[in-house]
Amino acid sequence: NSYNLDKRILFGGEKYGWSLQYKKSKKTIVTIFPERKSITVLLIFGKSELEKIHNKKNIFSKDLYERIENTKQYHDGKWLWLRVDNGDYLNDITELIKIKRKPDKE
């Protein structure tokens, strides 16, 4: 409700299934892969976003921050894949999305 994003439903083929991709302009904010009794969330962070995460590391759970730090760095940033099968990461994911894009309305 805090964002005005474009939503796309993508089909990655029989092996990978469906995903929901939320974008603002051409920038992907988050991609969600529904699964049985869980979801997997993909967030891609560039250099400036990783600096913001580092500066705000105390707002994230220790486990999540360590996962971000240990995620492989590619030329286009870090691709963070999070499987969510309970509410453990929901607050962290909300904060990470806010770093990727400030809410349009609060």
Protein backbone atom coordinates (compact mmCIF):
# COMPACT_ATOMS: atom_id res chain seq x y z
CA ASN A 1 0.00 0.00 0.00
CA SER A 2 2.97 2.34 0.44
CA TYR A 3 4.12 2.03 -3.16
CA ASN A 4 2.81 2.63 -6.64
CA LEU A 5 4.70 -0.11 -8.47
CA ASP A 6 4.18 -1.93 -11.73
CA LYS A 7 3.49 -5.62 -11.18
CA ARG A 8 4.42 -8.27 -13.75
CA ILE A 9 3.65 -11.96 -13.61
CA LEU A 10 6.50 -13.92 -15.16
CA PHE A 11 6.66 -17.57 -16.17
CA GLY A 12 10.17 -19.02 -16.02
CA GLY A 13 9.20 -22.31 -17.61
CA GLU A 14 8.05 -25.63 -16.25
CA LYS A 15 11.21 -26.08 -14.19
CA TYR A 16 11.09 -22.65 -12.50
CA GLY A 17 7.40 -21.75 -12.41
CA TRP A 18 5.79 -18.38 -11.78
CA SER A 19 7.05 -15.21 -10.14
CA LEU A 20 5.75 -11.74 -9.35
CA GLN A 21 8.05 -8.88 -10.19
CA TYR A 22 7.50 -5.38 -8.80
CA LYS A 23 9.17 -2.52 -10.67
CA LYS A 24 9.37 1.25 -10.61
CA SER A 25 10.21 2.55 -14.06
CA LYS A 26 12.79 0.05 -15.31
CA LYS A 27 14.23 -0.78 -11.88
CA THR A 28 13.17 -4.05 -10.29
CA ILE A 29 12.40 -3.53 -6.62
CA VAL A 30 11.58 -7.12 -5.61
CA THR A 31 10.76 -10.46 -7.22
CA ILE A 32 8.65 -12.99 -5.34
CA PHE A 33 8.52 -16.69 -6.16
CA PRO A 34 5.50 -18.43 -4.62
CA GLU A 35 6.07 -21.95 -3.35
CA ARG A 36 4.08 -24.49 -1.41
CA LYS A 37 3.85 -23.18 2.18
CA SER A 38 6.52 -20.52 1.57
CA ILE A 39 7.83 -17.85 -0.79
CA THR A 40 11.29 -16.97 -2.00
CA VAL A 41 12.15 -13.30 -2.29
CA LEU A 42 14.90 -11.99 -4.59
CA LEU A 43 16.41 -8.58 -3.87
CA ILE A 44 19.35 -7.25 -5.90
CA PHE A 45 21.51 -4.58 -4.30
CA GLY A 46 23.94 -2.28 -6.05
CA LYS A 47 26.95 -0.61 -4.44
CA SER A 48 25.10 2.42 -3.05
CA GLU A 49 22.31 0.25 -1.64
CA LEU A 50 24.86 -2.03 0.05
CA GLU A 51 26.45 1.04 1.68
CA LYS A 52 23.02 2.08 3.01
CA ILE A 53 22.47 -1.43 4.38
CA HIS A 54 25.88 -1.33 6.07
CA ASN A 55 25.10 2.08 7.62
CA LYS A 56 21.77 0.74 8.96
CA LYS A 57 22.95 -2.74 9.92
CA ASN A 58 21.62 -2.39 13.47
CA ILE A 59 17.99 -2.37 12.23
CA PHE A 60 18.34 -5.84 10.67
CA SER A 61 18.38 -9.20 12.38
CA LYS A 62 21.91 -10.52 12.90
CA ASP A 63 21.15 -13.58 10.78
CA LEU A 64 19.92 -11.54 7.82
CA TYR A 65 22.82 -9.08 7.96
CA GLU A 66 25.31 -11.97 7.99
CA ARG A 67 23.55 -13.49 4.98
CA ILE A 68 23.89 -10.21 3.09
CA GLU A 69 27.58 -9.94 4.02
CA ASN A 70 28.21 -13.55 2.92
CA THR A 71 26.31 -13.26 -0.37
CA LYS A 72 28.58 -13.38 -3.42
CA GLN A 73 29.33 -10.02 -5.02
CA TYR A 74 28.72 -9.93 -8.79
CA HIS A 75 29.51 -7.13 -11.24
CA ASP A 76 25.94 -5.82 -10.90
CA GLY A 77 25.69 -6.21 -7.11
CA LYS A 78 24.58 -8.84 -4.64
CA TRP A 79 21.62 -11.11 -5.37
CA LEU A 80 19.97 -11.95 -2.07
CA TRP A 81 17.63 -14.94 -2.16
CA LEU A 82 15.50 -15.38 0.96
CA ARG A 83 13.13 -18.27 1.56
CA VAL A 84 10.32 -17.17 3.85
CA ASP A 85 8.29 -19.93 5.47
CA ASN A 86 7.35 -17.99 8.60
CA GLY A 87 7.36 -14.34 9.64
CA ASP A 88 11.04 -14.19 10.62
CA TYR A 89 12.31 -12.05 7.75
CA LEU A 90 9.23 -9.95 6.99
CA ASN A 91 10.37 -6.85 8.91
CA ASP A 92 13.86 -7.16 7.44
CA ILE A 93 12.48 -7.50 3.91
CA THR A 94 10.29 -4.43 4.44
CA GLU A 95 13.33 -2.41 5.52
CA LEU A 96 15.40 -3.69 2.58
CA ILE A 97 12.66 -2.66 0.15
CA LYS A 98 12.64 0.82 1.75
CA ILE A 99 16.38 1.05 1.04
CA LYS A 100 15.82 0.08 -2.60
CA ARG A 101 13.01 2.61 -2.96
CA LYS A 102 11.56 5.10 -0.52
CA PRO A 103 7.81 4.61 -0.05
CA ASP A 104 5.60 6.83 -2.22
CA LYS A 105 3.26 7.26 0.75
CA GLU A 106 3.37 6.16 4.37
